[in-house]
C-alpha atoms as a PDB file:
ATOM      1  CA  MET A   1      15.701  13.073 -82.864  1.00  0.00           C
ATOM      2  CA  SER A   2      12.863  10.420 -81.652  1.00  0.00           C
ATOM      3  CA  GLU A   3       9.044  10.960 -81.274  1.00  0.00           C
ATOM      4  CA  ARG A   4       9.576  11.206 -77.480  1.00  0.00           C
ATOM      5  CA  HIS A   5      11.583  14.349 -78.242  1.00  0.00           C
ATOM      6  CA  PHE A   6       8.205  16.224 -79.548  1.00  0.00           C
ATOM      7  CA  ILE A   7       5.449  14.040 -77.794  1.00  0.00           C
ATOM      8  CA  ARG A   8       5.472  14.201 -73.808  1.00  0.00           C
ATOM      9  CA  PRO A   9       2.655  12.184 -72.441  1.00  0.00           C
ATOM     10  CA  ASP A  10       2.251  12.138 -68.519  1.00  0.00           C
ATOM     11  CA  ALA A  11       4.926   9.983 -66.725  1.00  0.00           C
ATOM     12  CA  PRO A  12       3.168   6.870 -65.644  1.00  0.00           C
ATOM     13  CA  GLY A  13       1.079   6.856 -62.640  1.00  0.00           C
ATOM     14  CA  THR A  14       0.116  10.316 -62.551  1.00  0.00           C
ATOM     15  CA  VAL A  15      -3.148  11.570 -60.979  1.00  0.00           C
ATOM     16  CA  VAL A  16      -4.849  13.904 -62.179  1.00  0.00           C
ATOM     17  CA  LYS A  17      -5.215  16.412 -58.800  1.00  0.00           C
ATOM     18  CA  GLN A  18      -8.390  18.368 -59.918  1.00  0.00           C
ATOM     19  CA  ARG A  19     -10.893  17.188 -62.544  1.00  0.00           C
ATOM     20  CA  TYR A  20     -12.439  19.684 -64.680  1.00  0.00           C
ATOM     21  CA  THR A  21     -16.312  19.805 -64.700  1.00  0.00           C
ATOM     22  CA  ASN A  22     -19.021  22.098 -66.156  1.00  0.00           C
ATOM     23  CA  ALA A  23     -22.479  21.591 -65.813  1.00  0.00           C
ATOM     24  CA  ALA A  24     -23.463  22.205 -69.554  1.00  0.00           C
ATOM     25  CA  ALA A  25     -20.812  19.714 -71.109  1.00  0.00           C
ATOM     26  CA  SER A  26     -21.279  15.658 -71.021  1.00  0.00           C
ATOM     27  CA  GLU A  27     -18.709  13.260 -70.776  1.00  0.00           C
ATOM     28  CA  LEU A  28     -17.571  11.596 -73.955  1.00  0.00           C
ATOM     29  CA  SER A  29     -15.552   8.837 -74.363  1.00  0.00           C
ATOM     30  CA  VAL A  30     -14.300   6.927 -77.756  1.00  0.00           C
ATOM     31  CA  ALA A  31     -12.036   3.950 -78.258  1.00  0.00           C
ATOM     32  CA  GLY A  32      -8.735   3.966 -80.135  1.00  0.00           C
ATOM     33  CA  LYS A  33      -8.088   1.204 -82.507  1.00  0.00           C
ATOM     34  CA  ASP A  34      -5.856  -0.860 -80.273  1.00  0.00           C
ATOM     35  CA  GLY A  35      -8.925  -0.418 -77.118  1.00  0.00           C
ATOM     36  CA  ALA A  36      -7.344   2.481 -75.417  1.00  0.00           C
ATOM     37  CA  GLN A  37     -10.109   5.238 -74.133  1.00  0.00           C
ATOM     38  CA  LEU A  38     -10.247   9.130 -75.333  1.00  0.00           C
ATOM     39  CA  ASN A  39     -11.762  10.648 -72.830  1.00  0.00           C
ATOM     40  CA  GLY A  40     -13.130  14.324 -73.109  1.00  0.00           C
ATOM     41  CA  ILE A  41     -16.117  16.447 -72.872  1.00  0.00           C
ATOM     42  CA  LEU A  42     -18.934  17.597 -75.411  1.00  0.00           C
ATOM     43  CA  LEU A  43     -20.478  21.076 -74.780  1.00  0.00           C
ATOM     44  CA  GLU A  44     -23.703  21.538 -76.664  1.00  0.00           C
ATOM     45  CA  GLN A  45     -25.351  24.447 -77.285  1.00  0.00           C
ATOM     46  CA  PRO A  46     -29.135  25.239 -77.980  1.00  0.00           C
ATOM     47  CA  GLY A  47     -29.381  26.289 -81.813  1.00  0.00           C
ATOM     48  CA  ALA A  48     -25.618  25.393 -82.779  1.00  0.00           C
ATOM     49  CA  ARG A  49     -25.503  24.823 -86.342  1.00  0.00           C
ATOM     50  CA  SER A  50     -22.107  23.421 -86.314  1.00  0.00           C
ATOM     51  CA  THR A  51     -19.566  21.278 -83.736  1.00  0.00           C
ATOM     52  CA  VAL A  52     -15.723  21.929 -83.281  1.00  0.00           C
ATOM     53  CA  LEU A  53     -13.545  19.303 -82.399  1.00  0.00           C
ATOM     54  CA  TYR A  54     -10.464  21.069 -80.912  1.00  0.00           C
ATOM     55  CA  PHE A  55      -7.096  19.326 -81.058  1.00  0.00           C
ATOM     56  CA  GLY A  56      -4.642  21.271 -77.974  1.00  0.00           C
ATOM     57  CA  GLY A  57      -1.064  21.663 -77.946  1.00  0.00           C
ATOM     58  CA  ASN A  58       1.539  19.079 -76.797  1.00  0.00           C
ATOM     59  CA  SER A  59       0.744  20.317 -72.792  1.00  0.00           C
ATOM     60  CA  PHE A  60      -2.996  20.147 -73.419  1.00  0.00           C
ATOM     61  CA  HIS A  61      -4.639  18.916 -70.665  1.00  0.00           C
ATOM     62  CA  LEU A  62      -8.613  18.975 -70.376  1.00  0.00           C
ATOM     63  CA  ASP A  63      -8.612  19.094 -66.551  1.00  0.00           C
ATOM     64  CA  GLN A  64      -5.992  21.820 -66.719  1.00  0.00           C
ATOM     65  CA  HIS A  65      -6.790  24.302 -69.623  1.00  0.00           C
ATOM     66  CA  ALA A  66     -10.188  23.479 -70.817  1.00  0.00           C
ATOM     67  CA  GLN A  67     -11.521  26.199 -68.081  1.00  0.00           C
ATOM     68  CA  HIS A  68      -9.784  28.821 -70.360  1.00  0.00           C
ATOM     69  CA  ALA A  69     -10.239  27.246 -73.891  1.00  0.00           C
ATOM     70  CA  LEU A  70     -13.817  26.160 -73.752  1.00  0.00           C
ATOM     71  CA  PRO A  71     -15.373  29.606 -73.340  1.00  0.00           C
ATOM     72  CA  LEU A  72     -13.528  31.148 -76.176  1.00  0.00           C
ATOM     73  CA  LEU A  73     -14.530  28.401 -78.377  1.00  0.00           C
ATOM     74  CA  ALA A  74     -17.890  28.224 -77.318  1.00  0.00           C
ATOM     75  CA  ALA A  75     -18.236  31.990 -77.923  1.00  0.00           C
ATOM     76  CA  CYS A  76     -19.448  31.119 -81.557  1.00  0.00           C
ATOM     77  CA  GLY A  77     -22.503  29.180 -80.805  1.00  0.00           C
ATOM     78  CA  SER A  78     -20.996  26.168 -81.596  1.00  0.00           C
ATOM     79  CA  ASN A  79     -20.966  22.517 -79.946  1.00  0.00           C
ATOM     80  CA  VAL A  80     -17.493  22.288 -78.436  1.00  0.00           C
ATOM     81  CA  ALA A  81     -15.831  18.825 -78.048  1.00  0.00           C
ATOM     82  CA  MET A  82     -12.093  18.493 -76.611  1.00  0.00           C
ATOM     83  CA  PHE A  83     -10.313  15.353 -75.412  1.00  0.00           C
ATOM     84  CA  ASP A  84      -7.094  13.824 -73.571  1.00  0.00           C
ATOM     85  CA  TYR A  85      -4.406  12.905 -76.243  1.00  0.00           C
ATOM     86  CA  ARG A  86      -3.627   9.178 -75.301  1.00  0.00           C
ATOM     87  CA  GLY A  87      -1.501   8.808 -72.446  1.00  0.00           C
ATOM     88  CA  TYR A  88      -2.604  12.805 -71.141  1.00  0.00           C
ATOM     89  CA  GLY A  89      -4.903  13.472 -68.611  1.00  0.00           C
ATOM     90  CA  ARG A  90      -7.973  11.330 -68.367  1.00  0.00           C
ATOM     91  CA  SER A  91      -6.995   9.112 -71.828  1.00  0.00           C
ATOM     92  CA  SER A  92      -5.091   6.038 -71.410  1.00  0.00           C
ATOM     93  CA  GLY A  93      -2.572   4.318 -74.255  1.00  0.00           C
ATOM     94  CA  LYS A  94       0.938   4.919 -75.276  1.00  0.00           C
ATOM     95  CA  PRO A  95       0.997   7.871 -77.895  1.00  0.00           C
ATOM     96  CA  SER A  96       2.786   7.899 -81.251  1.00  0.00           C
ATOM     97  CA  ILE A  97       2.714   9.633 -84.326  1.00  0.00           C
ATOM     98  CA  ASP A  98       0.626   7.055 -85.905  1.00  0.00           C
ATOM     99  CA  THR A  99      -1.474   6.231 -83.160  1.00  0.00           C
ATOM    100  CA  MET A 100      -2.560   9.767 -83.086  1.00  0.00           C
ATOM    101  CA  GLN A 101      -3.663  10.116 -86.070  1.00  0.00           C
ATOM    102  CA  ALA A 102      -5.700   7.127 -85.836  1.00  0.00           C
ATOM    103  CA  ASP A 103      -7.129   8.322 -82.902  1.00  0.00           C
ATOM    104  CA  ALA A 104      -7.640  11.779 -84.722  1.00  0.00           C
ATOM    105  CA  LEU A 105      -9.720  10.348 -87.034  1.00  0.00           C
ATOM    106  CA  ALA A 106     -11.441   7.953 -84.218  1.00  0.00           C
ATOM    107  CA  LEU A 107     -12.664  10.982 -82.706  1.00  0.00           C
ATOM    108  CA  PHE A 108     -14.046  13.021 -85.668  1.00  0.00           C
ATOM    109  CA  ASP A 109     -15.786   9.884 -87.072  1.00  0.00           C
ATOM    110  CA  ALA A 110     -17.621   9.488 -83.515  1.00  0.00           C
ATOM    111  CA  LEU A 111     -18.395  13.243 -83.768  1.00  0.00           C
ATOM    112  CA  ASN A 112     -19.735  13.009 -87.337  1.00  0.00           C
ATOM    113  CA  ALA A 113     -22.035  10.042 -86.596  1.00  0.00           C
ATOM    114  CA  ARG A 114     -23.587  12.491 -83.921  1.00  0.00           C
ATOM    115  CA  PHE A 115     -23.474  15.424 -86.034  1.00  0.00           C
ATOM    116  CA  PRO A 116     -23.459  14.198 -89.887  1.00  0.00           C
ATOM    117  CA  GLY A 117     -21.539  17.008 -91.976  1.00  0.00           C
ATOM    118  CA  ARG A 118     -21.352  19.565 -89.226  1.00  0.00           C
ATOM    119  CA  VAL A 119     -17.969  19.095 -87.680  1.00  0.00           C
ATOM    120  CA  ILE A 120     -15.167  21.431 -87.691  1.00  0.00           C
ATOM    121  CA  VAL A 121     -11.948  20.366 -87.138  1.00  0.00           C
ATOM    122  CA  HIS A 122      -9.552  23.088 -85.005  1.00  0.00           C
ATOM    123  CA  GLY A 123      -6.296  22.198 -83.812  1.00  0.00           C
ATOM    124  CA  GLN A 124      -3.691  24.646 -82.101  1.00  0.00           C
ATOM    125  CA  SER A 125       0.308  24.107 -82.389  1.00  0.00           C
ATOM    126  CA  LEU A 126       0.665  20.233 -81.945  1.00  0.00           C
ATOM    127  CA  GLY A 127      -3.161  19.612 -82.423  1.00  0.00           C
ATOM    128  CA  SER A 128      -2.513  21.910 -85.975  1.00  0.00           C
ATOM    129  CA  PHE A 129      -0.644  18.555 -87.034  1.00  0.00           C
ATOM    130  CA  MET A 130      -4.066  16.316 -86.072  1.00  0.00           C
ATOM    131  CA  ALA A 131      -6.624  18.820 -87.611  1.00  0.00           C
ATOM    132  CA  ALA A 132      -4.649  18.927 -91.040  1.00  0.00           C
ATOM    133  CA  HIS A 133      -4.642  14.797 -90.936  1.00  0.00           C
ATOM    134  CA  VAL A 134      -8.315  14.799 -90.507  1.00  0.00           C
ATOM    135  CA  ALA A 135      -9.228  17.226 -93.096  1.00  0.00           C
ATOM    136  CA  GLN A 136      -7.209  15.867 -95.741  1.00  0.00           C
ATOM    137  CA  ALA A 137      -8.641  12.545 -95.341  1.00  0.00           C
ATOM    138  CA  ARG A 138     -12.352  13.205 -93.763  1.00  0.00           C
ATOM    139  CA  PRO A 139     -15.464  15.360 -94.872  1.00  0.00           C
ATOM    140  CA  VAL A 140     -14.816  18.053 -92.152  1.00  0.00           C
ATOM    141  CA  LEU A 141     -17.178  21.022 -92.669  1.00  0.00           C
ATOM    142  CA  GLY A 142     -14.416  23.483 -92.107  1.00  0.00           C
ATOM    143  CA  THR A 143     -10.476  23.607 -90.764  1.00  0.00           C
ATOM    144  CA  VAL A 144      -8.985  26.212 -88.032  1.00  0.00           C
ATOM    145  CA  LEU A 145      -5.029  25.963 -88.006  1.00  0.00           C
ATOM    146  CA  GLU A 146      -4.256  28.154 -84.895  1.00  0.00           C
ATOM    147  CA  SER A 147      -0.078  28.946 -84.160  1.00  0.00           C
ATOM    148  CA  THR A 148       0.594  25.990 -86.807  1.00  0.00           C
ATOM    149  CA  ALA A 149       4.052  24.973 -88.079  1.00  0.00           C
ATOM    150  CA  THR A 150       4.918  23.331 -92.115  1.00  0.00           C
ATOM    151  CA  SER A 151       6.224  20.396 -90.419  1.00  0.00           C
ATOM    152  CA  VAL A 152       8.194  18.808 -87.473  1.00  0.00           C
ATOM    153  CA  GLU A 153      11.141  19.298 -89.221  1.00  0.00           C
ATOM    154  CA  ASP A 154      10.698  23.181 -89.752  1.00  0.00           C
ATOM    155  CA  PHE A 155       9.238  23.036 -86.443  1.00  0.00           C
ATOM    156  CA  VAL A 156      12.621  22.167 -84.708  1.00  0.00           C
ATOM    157  CA  HIS A 157      14.764  24.391 -87.006  1.00  0.00           C
ATOM    158  CA  ALA A 158      12.806  27.325 -85.807  1.00  0.00           C
ATOM    159  CA  ASN A 159      13.560  27.012 -82.405  1.00  0.00           C
ATOM    160  CA  VAL A 160      17.257  26.476 -83.210  1.00  0.00           C
ATOM    161  CA  PRO A 161      18.900  30.114 -82.484  1.00  0.00           C
ATOM    162  CA  TRP A 162      20.315  31.575 -85.565  1.00  0.00           C
ATOM    163  CA  TYR A 163      23.874  31.523 -84.170  1.00  0.00           C
ATOM    164  CA  ALA A 164      24.260  27.662 -83.524  1.00  0.00           C
ATOM    165  CA  ALA A 165      22.013  26.403 -86.798  1.00  0.00           C
ATOM    166  CA  PRO A 166      25.208  26.117 -88.794  1.00  0.00           C
ATOM    167  CA  PHE A 167      26.592  23.887 -86.269  1.00  0.00           C
ATOM    168  CA  ILE A 168      23.807  21.814 -85.389  1.00  0.00           C
ATOM    169  CA  ARG A 169      22.994  18.480 -87.293  1.00  0.00           C
ATOM    170  CA  ILE A 170      19.413  17.119 -86.524  1.00  0.00           C
ATOM    171  CA  ASP A 171      18.917  13.571 -86.807  1.00  0.00           C
ATOM    172  CA  MET A 172      15.090  12.972 -87.199  1.00  0.00           C
ATOM    173  CA  ALA A 173      13.014   9.812 -87.163  1.00  0.00           C
ATOM    174  CA  ASP A 174      11.130   8.598 -90.377  1.00  0.00           C
ATOM    175  CA  SER A 175       7.833   9.003 -88.632  1.00  0.00           C
ATOM    176  CA  LEU A 176       8.393  12.707 -87.459  1.00  0.00           C
ATOM    177  CA  ARG A 177       9.467  13.459 -91.529  1.00  0.00           C
ATOM    178  CA  GLN A 178       6.733  12.715 -92.925  1.00  0.00           C
ATOM    179  CA  VAL A 179       4.218  14.661 -90.810  1.00  0.00           C
ATOM    180  CA  ASP A 180       3.848  17.694 -93.119  1.00  0.00           C
ATOM    181  CA  ASN A 181       1.056  20.622 -92.818  1.00  0.00           C
ATOM    182  CA  ARG A 182       1.784  21.663 -96.474  1.00  0.00           C
ATOM    183  CA  LYS A 183       0.896  18.137 -98.141  1.00  0.00           C
ATOM    184  CA  ALA A 184      -2.392  17.358 -95.724  1.00  0.00           C
ATOM    185  CA  ALA A 185      -3.222  21.568 -96.577  1.00  0.00           C
ATOM    186  CA  ALA A 186      -2.778  20.518-100.579  1.00  0.00           C
ATOM    187  CA  HIS A 187      -5.881  18.031-100.063  1.00  0.00           C
ATOM    188  CA  PHE A 188      -8.382  19.982 -97.837  1.00  0.00           C
ATOM    189  CA  SER A 189     -11.943  19.933 -99.350  1.00  0.00           C
ATOM    190  CA  SER A 190     -13.490  22.372 -97.241  1.00  0.00           C
ATOM    191  CA  ALA A 191     -12.946  26.392 -95.980  1.00  0.00           C
ATOM    192  CA  ALA A 192     -10.037  26.678 -94.068  1.00  0.00           C
ATOM    193  CA  LEU A 193      -8.256  29.409 -91.577  1.00  0.00           C
ATOM    194  CA  VAL A 194      -5.275  30.069 -90.895  1.00  0.00           C
ATOM    195  CA  ILE A 195      -4.086  31.974 -87.353  1.00  0.00           C
ATOM    196  CA  ALA A 196      -0.948  32.899 -87.023  1.00  0.00           C
ATOM    197  CA  ALA A 197       0.693  35.240 -83.993  1.00  0.00           C
ATOM    198  CA  GLY A 198       3.240  37.818 -84.374  1.00  0.00           C
ATOM    199  CA  ARG A 199       5.027  37.461 -81.075  1.00  0.00           C
ATOM    200  CA  ASP A 200       5.189  33.393 -81.746  1.00  0.00           C
ATOM    201  CA  LYS A 201       8.783  32.500 -81.117  1.00  0.00           C
ATOM    202  CA  THR A 202       7.622  28.465 -81.392  1.00  0.00           C
ATOM    203  CA  THR A 203       5.753  28.329 -84.616  1.00  0.00           C
ATOM    204  CA  PRO A 204       6.761  31.918 -86.231  1.00  0.00           C
ATOM    205  CA  PRO A 205       4.310  33.102 -88.494  1.00  0.00           C
ATOM    206  CA  ARG A 206       6.344  32.661 -91.700  1.00  0.00           C
ATOM    207  CA  LEU A 207       5.614  28.706 -91.312  1.00  0.00           C
ATOM    208  CA  GLY A 208       1.674  29.445 -91.178  1.00  0.00           C
ATOM    209  CA  ARG A 209       1.896  30.966 -93.796  1.00  0.00           C
ATOM    210  CA  LYS A 210       3.553  28.604 -96.209  1.00  0.00           C
ATOM    211  CA  VAL A 211       0.658  26.049 -94.579  1.00  0.00           C
ATOM    212  CA  PHE A 212      -1.715  28.958 -95.731  1.00  0.00           C
ATOM    213  CA  GLU A 213      -0.238  29.138 -99.274  1.00  0.00           C
ATOM    214  CA  ALA A 214      -0.442  25.438 -99.688  1.00  0.00           C
ATOM    215  CA  ILE A 215      -4.158  25.014 -99.279  1.00  0.00           C
ATOM    216  CA  PRO A 216      -5.591  25.142-102.725  1.00  0.00           C
ATOM    217  CA  ARG A 217      -9.260  26.872-102.232  1.00  0.00           C
ATOM    218  CA  GLN A 218     -10.503  30.033-102.755  1.00  0.00           C
ATOM    219  CA  ASP A 219     -12.751  29.942 -99.350  1.00  0.00           C
ATOM    220  CA  LYS A 220      -9.570  30.163 -97.147  1.00  0.00           C
ATOM    221  CA  GLN A 221      -8.456  32.814 -94.801  1.00  0.00           C
ATOM    222  CA  TYR A 222      -4.867  33.759 -93.128  1.00  0.00           C
ATOM    223  CA  LEU A 223      -5.202  35.868 -89.813  1.00  0.00           C
ATOM    224  CA  LEU A 224      -2.262  37.738 -88.370  1.00  0.00           C
ATOM    225  CA  LEU A 225      -2.246  38.212 -85.054  1.00  0.00           C
ATOM    226  CA  GLU A 226       0.799  40.998 -84.903  1.00  0.00           C
ATOM    227  CA  GLN A 227       0.357  40.784 -80.656  1.00  0.00           C
ATOM    228  CA  ALA A 228      -0.436  37.632 -79.752  1.00  0.00           C
ATOM    229  CA  GLY A 229       1.881  34.823 -79.078  1.00  0.00           C
ATOM    230  CA  HIS A 230       2.154  30.741 -79.146  1.00  0.00           C
ATOM    231  CA  ASN A 231      -0.510  30.345 -76.594  1.00  0.00           C
ATOM    232  CA  ASP A 232      -3.095  33.327 -76.735  1.00  0.00           C
ATOM    233  CA  ALA A 233      -4.160  33.710 -79.857  1.00  0.00           C
ATOM    234  CA  LEU A 234      -7.607  33.754 -78.915  1.00  0.00           C
ATOM    235  CA  ARG A 235      -7.398  35.985 -76.199  1.00  0.00           C
ATOM    236  CA  THR A 236      -6.073  38.921 -78.157  1.00  0.00           C
ATOM    237  CA  GLU A 237      -8.154  41.929 -78.946  1.00  0.00           C
ATOM    238  CA  GLY A 238     -10.542  41.139 -82.311  1.00  0.00           C
ATOM    239  CA  ALA A 239      -9.653  37.396 -82.855  1.00  0.00           C
ATOM    240  CA  ILE A 240     -12.641  35.989 -81.281  1.00  0.00           C
ATOM    241  CA  ALA A 241     -14.627  38.054 -83.600  1.00  0.00           C
ATOM    242  CA  ALA A 242     -12.706  37.098 -86.905  1.00  0.00           C
ATOM    243  CA  TYR A 243     -12.861  33.346 -85.663  1.00  0.00           C
ATOM    244  CA  CYS A 244     -16.765  33.292 -85.356  1.00  0.00           C
ATOM    245  CA  GLY A 245     -17.016  34.947 -88.499  1.00  0.00           C
ATOM    246  CA  PHE A 246     -15.391  32.425 -90.290  1.00  0.00           C
ATOM    247  CA  VAL A 247     -17.420  29.374 -87.947  1.00  0.00           C
ATOM    248  CA  ARG A 248     -20.741  30.923 -88.446  1.00  0.00           C
ATOM    249  CA  ARG A 249     -20.471  31.181 -92.087  1.00  0.00           C
ATOM    250  CA  LEU A 250     -19.888  27.722 -92.217  1.00  0.00           C
END
């Protein structure tokens, strides 16, 4: 398995059909190390004590999903920033594990320069690997991992039917094998919230629980939403109240 099986950018020549607009949000552009432009938005709220940097899942596109994700994340009163990954939506460049991890650090650094010491990283699914990478390398205010997996390898095996598993051998690129959220979590230096969904067939709750157990801190929290699926955890009853409780304590 190569990176192209795991990272699925837009096809060359893809054009954004309908651009998301929000009068309260400003557009941001951050340069990657290789000159790629990482484009996104920043919603600033009066009296905000923190800023959430959100990393979406593999299918996340700002112009398609911000209208649903932004109100949920903004409900806590924090500022919210979200970007398209390189090669997705508004952002240029060709994605790889290495470039996406470097981009995640660049985005954090840009926001932390603007809001020193007050940036929370929040990653959903694929984005949880980006958020965890930042949290192990930078002084984040807090970390939220939603619908996360332990590693790419475990993620792949979790999506193989049990009856087929004995007959399938997966060859995986070294760049994918080195991505492990348990190893990253072992180096977290701030509070963390792990959100798992009981009906998640893509990243089963047991994987999120293992990541949670790898975090060596007392100020960590595990939230299991029994009725939620892979992509609707924050829309589940009670989820936002728990999420905002964590964010506002930071």
